[in-house]
Amino acid sequence: LKNFKFAIPNYQRGYRWTSQQVKELLDDIWEFSDKEKDTSLIYCIQPLVVCDKKKDTENLVTDIKKLDNWDDICKFVKKNIQTWEVIDGQQRLTTISIIIQMLCKKAPFSLSYDTLPNSEEKINSISNLQLSDANSDINLHFMNEAKNTVETWLKNKDGEAKERMEKTILERVKFIWYETDEDKPISVF
């Protein structure tokens, strides 16, 4: 997913993974990294169903026509071009982003939620999330809980174990990728 940009559309529910679900994912990946010493083996995460947002050019053109100045148009195009709309898998994708950020400070991909203002900035620097932000939005509240769960989980590991976990997640954890070319992604959802 390196250098990919993902958007969570407004027809999806928000981020709602509990601490238990985050811990189960961490424990499962940890167990895999511990028992599977063959580095050619991968850990597969359930499907990530996506569509290329730029294929919806009719809506892009309509949205661009609403903008008043060139700077706003440039920002809009930069934000919306080469973005993958996540149809299914946003809970897992968001959790993996949080885990990676807590391990290495920056996820190799970016994530935004259409329902959350300035979400790209907040989600992609989750370790700096302020409690006031977490209390102002239910998505950020659950993301903050996930961040705290990962932080607590990592405190129980030594430096070598953290390195192994980081290496496993960055090199051996893979999503099952399913790309649809459906014109109306909500119908796939």
Protein backbone atom coordinates (compact mmCIF):
# COMPACT_ATOMS: atom_id res chain seq x y z
CA LEU A 1 0.00 0.00 0.00
CA LYS A 2 3.08 2.20 -0.06
CA ASN A 3 2.32 5.72 -1.31
CA PHE A 4 -1.36 4.91 -1.82
CA LYS A 5 -4.04 7.38 -0.83
CA PHE A 6 -7.34 6.05 0.52
CA ALA A 7 -10.64 7.81 1.17
CA ILE A 8 -13.43 6.45 3.32
CA PRO A 9 -16.71 7.59 1.71
CA ASN A 10 -19.60 9.00 3.70
CA TYR A 11 -21.86 6.00 3.03
CA GLN A 12 -19.74 3.87 5.37
CA ARG A 13 -20.11 3.79 9.11
CA GLY A 14 -17.30 5.43 11.02
CA TYR A 15 -14.34 3.78 12.67
CA ARG A 16 -15.68 1.64 15.50
CA TRP A 17 -13.11 -1.02 16.37
CA THR A 18 -12.87 -1.66 20.07
CA SER A 19 -9.72 -2.21 22.10
CA GLN A 20 -10.49 -5.93 22.06
CA GLN A 21 -10.51 -6.08 18.25
CA VAL A 22 -7.28 -4.09 18.01
CA LYS A 23 -5.59 -6.33 20.58
CA GLU A 24 -6.77 -9.47 18.76
CA LEU A 25 -5.24 -8.22 15.50
CA LEU A 26 -1.97 -7.33 17.25
CA ASP A 27 -1.82 -10.71 19.00
CA ASP A 28 -2.60 -12.57 15.78
CA ILE A 29 0.11 -10.78 13.80
CA TRP A 30 2.53 -11.28 16.72
CA GLU A 31 1.79 -15.00 16.85
CA PHE A 32 2.32 -15.23 13.09
CA SER A 33 5.66 -13.39 13.31
CA ASP A 34 6.76 -15.67 16.14
CA LYS A 35 5.92 -19.02 14.59
CA GLU A 36 6.44 -18.33 10.88
CA LYS A 37 10.20 -17.86 10.61
CA ASP A 38 10.12 -18.35 6.83
CA THR A 39 10.12 -14.71 5.68
CA SER A 40 8.57 -15.63 2.33
CA LEU A 41 5.29 -16.44 4.09
CA ILE A 42 2.74 -13.66 4.38
CA TYR A 43 -0.05 -12.80 6.77
CA CYS A 44 -3.24 -12.07 4.80
CA ILE A 45 -5.78 -9.58 6.04
CA GLN A 46 -9.37 -9.85 4.86
CA PRO A 47 -10.15 -8.14 1.54
CA LEU A 48 -9.71 -4.48 0.93
CA VAL A 49 -12.35 -3.65 -1.65
CA VAL A 50 -11.56 -0.44 -3.52
CA CYS A 51 -12.33 1.53 -6.63
CA ASP A 52 -10.29 4.26 -8.24
CA LYS A 53 -11.99 7.54 -7.28
CA LYS A 54 -10.70 9.36 -10.34
CA LYS A 55 -12.91 7.17 -12.54
CA ASP A 56 -15.88 9.16 -11.25
CA THR A 57 -14.91 12.12 -13.43
CA GLU A 58 -18.45 13.43 -13.83
CA ASN A 59 -18.68 14.14 -10.09
CA LEU A 60 -15.13 15.53 -10.04
CA VAL A 61 -15.95 18.01 -12.80
CA THR A 62 -19.18 19.03 -11.02
CA ASP A 63 -17.28 19.58 -7.76
CA ILE A 64 -14.51 21.54 -9.49
CA LYS A 65 -17.06 23.86 -11.13
CA LYS A 66 -18.26 24.84 -7.63
CA LEU A 67 -14.83 26.17 -6.67
CA ASP A 68 -14.05 29.87 -6.97
CA ASN A 69 -10.31 30.18 -7.40
CA TRP A 70 -7.32 28.42 -8.84
CA ASP A 71 -5.75 27.60 -5.46
CA ASP A 72 -8.90 25.79 -4.32
CA ILE A 73 -9.06 23.90 -7.61
CA CYS A 74 -5.41 22.80 -7.26
CA LYS A 75 -5.96 21.63 -3.68
CA PHE A 76 -9.09 19.74 -4.72
CA VAL A 77 -7.37 17.99 -7.63
CA LYS A 78 -4.38 17.05 -5.48
CA LYS A 79 -6.68 15.60 -2.83
CA ASN A 80 -8.89 13.64 -5.23
CA ILE A 81 -6.63 12.37 -7.98
CA GLN A 82 -5.11 8.91 -7.53
CA THR A 83 -7.23 8.19 -4.50
CA TRP A 84 -8.71 4.78 -3.79
CA GLU A 85 -12.23 4.79 -2.41
CA VAL A 86 -12.48 2.10 0.26
CA ILE A 87 -15.70 0.15 -0.20
CA ASP A 88 -14.89 -2.53 2.36
CA GLY A 89 -12.01 -2.95 4.81
CA GLN A 90 -11.83 0.52 6.32
CA GLN A 91 -11.80 -0.75 9.92
CA ARG A 92 -8.81 -3.01 9.21
CA LEU A 93 -7.04 -0.40 7.06
CA THR A 94 -7.44 2.30 9.71
CA THR A 95 -6.23 -0.04 12.45
CA ILE A 96 -3.16 -1.07 10.44
CA SER A 97 -2.42 2.63 9.85
CA ILE A 98 -2.62 3.29 13.60
CA ILE A 99 -0.39 0.31 14.42
CA ILE A 100 2.23 1.34 11.86
CA GLN A 101 2.23 4.92 13.14
CA MET A 102 2.73 3.76 16.70
CA LEU A 103 5.64 1.55 15.57
CA CYS A 104 7.40 3.86 13.13
CA LYS A 105 5.67 7.25 13.42
CA LYS A 106 4.47 7.41 9.80
CA ALA A 107 2.29 5.08 7.77
CA PRO A 108 3.44 4.45 4.19
CA PHE A 109 -0.06 5.33 2.92
CA SER A 110 -2.54 8.08 3.72
CA LEU A 111 -6.12 7.86 4.80
CA SER A 112 -9.02 10.30 4.99
CA TYR A 113 -12.67 10.10 6.00
CA ASP A 114 -15.19 12.11 3.97
CA THR A 115 -17.29 12.66 7.11
CA LEU A 116 -14.44 14.06 9.20
CA PRO A 117 -13.06 17.57 8.52
CA ASN A 118 -9.26 17.69 8.21
CA SER A 119 -9.23 13.93 8.72
CA GLU A 120 -6.16 13.26 6.60
CA GLU A 121 -4.02 15.43 8.86
CA LYS A 122 -5.51 14.01 12.07
CA ILE A 123 -5.52 10.33 11.07
CA ASN A 124 -2.07 10.35 9.51
CA SER A 125 -0.51 11.81 12.64
CA ILE A 126 -2.53 9.80 15.14
CA SER A 127 0.26 9.74 17.72
CA ASN A 128 -0.20 13.51 18.07
CA LEU A 129 -3.98 13.33 18.41
CA GLN A 130 -5.20 15.68 21.10
CA LEU A 131 -7.75 14.54 23.67
CA SER A 132 -9.97 17.49 22.68
CA ASP A 133 -10.06 16.17 19.09
CA ALA A 134 -10.79 12.66 20.34
CA ASN A 135 -13.68 14.01 22.40
CA SER A 136 -15.06 16.10 19.53
CA ASP A 137 -15.64 13.29 17.03
CA ILE A 138 -16.76 9.69 17.57
CA ASN A 139 -14.37 8.40 14.87
CA LEU A 140 -11.42 10.10 16.54
CA HIS A 141 -12.58 8.81 19.91
CA PHE A 142 -12.38 5.19 18.70
CA MET A 143 -9.09 5.88 16.88
CA ASN A 144 -7.66 7.32 20.08
CA GLU A 145 -8.78 4.20 21.96
CA ALA A 146 -7.08 2.06 19.30
CA LYS A 147 -3.92 4.19 19.59
CA ASN A 148 -3.93 3.75 23.37
CA THR A 149 -4.44 -0.01 23.00
CA VAL A 150 -1.48 -0.28 20.61
CA GLU A 151 0.65 1.88 22.91
CA THR A 152 -0.16 -0.33 25.91
CA TRP A 153 0.45 -3.49 23.89
CA LEU A 154 3.84 -2.21 22.72
CA LYS A 155 4.91 -1.23 26.25
CA ASN A 156 4.96 -4.93 27.08
CA LYS A 157 7.51 -5.62 24.30
CA ASP A 158 11.23 -4.96 24.23
CA GLY A 159 13.03 -3.12 21.42
CA GLU A 160 13.87 -6.28 19.50
CA ALA A 161 10.25 -7.46 19.63
CA LYS A 162 9.02 -4.07 18.40
CA GLU A 163 11.48 -4.24 15.50
CA ARG A 164 10.22 -7.72 14.61
CA MET A 165 6.62 -6.51 14.72
CA GLU A 166 7.42 -3.47 12.56
CA LYS A 167 9.29 -5.60 10.02
CA THR A 168 6.45 -8.14 9.92
CA ILE A 169 3.75 -5.52 9.40
CA LEU A 170 5.67 -3.55 6.77
CA GLU A 171 6.98 -6.53 4.81
CA ARG A 172 4.76 -9.56 5.43
CA VAL A 173 1.25 -8.32 6.20
CA LYS A 174 -0.79 -8.04 3.01
CA PHE A 175 -4.37 -7.16 2.29
CA ILE A 176 -6.29 -9.26 -0.17
CA TRP A 177 -6.78 -6.58 -2.85
CA TYR A 178 -10.08 -6.47 -4.69
CA GLU A 179 -10.53 -3.65 -7.15
CA THR A 180 -13.88 -3.01 -8.75
CA ASP A 181 -14.50 -0.91 -11.82
CA GLU A 182 -18.15 -0.48 -10.95
CA ASP A 183 -19.38 3.02 -11.83
CA LYS A 184 -21.36 3.30 -8.61
CA PRO A 185 -19.23 1.94 -5.74
CA ILE A 186 -22.11 2.27 -3.28
CA SER A 187 -23.87 -0.56 -5.16
CA VAL A 188 -20.86 -2.81 -4.41
CA PHE A 189 -20.97 -1.72 -0.77
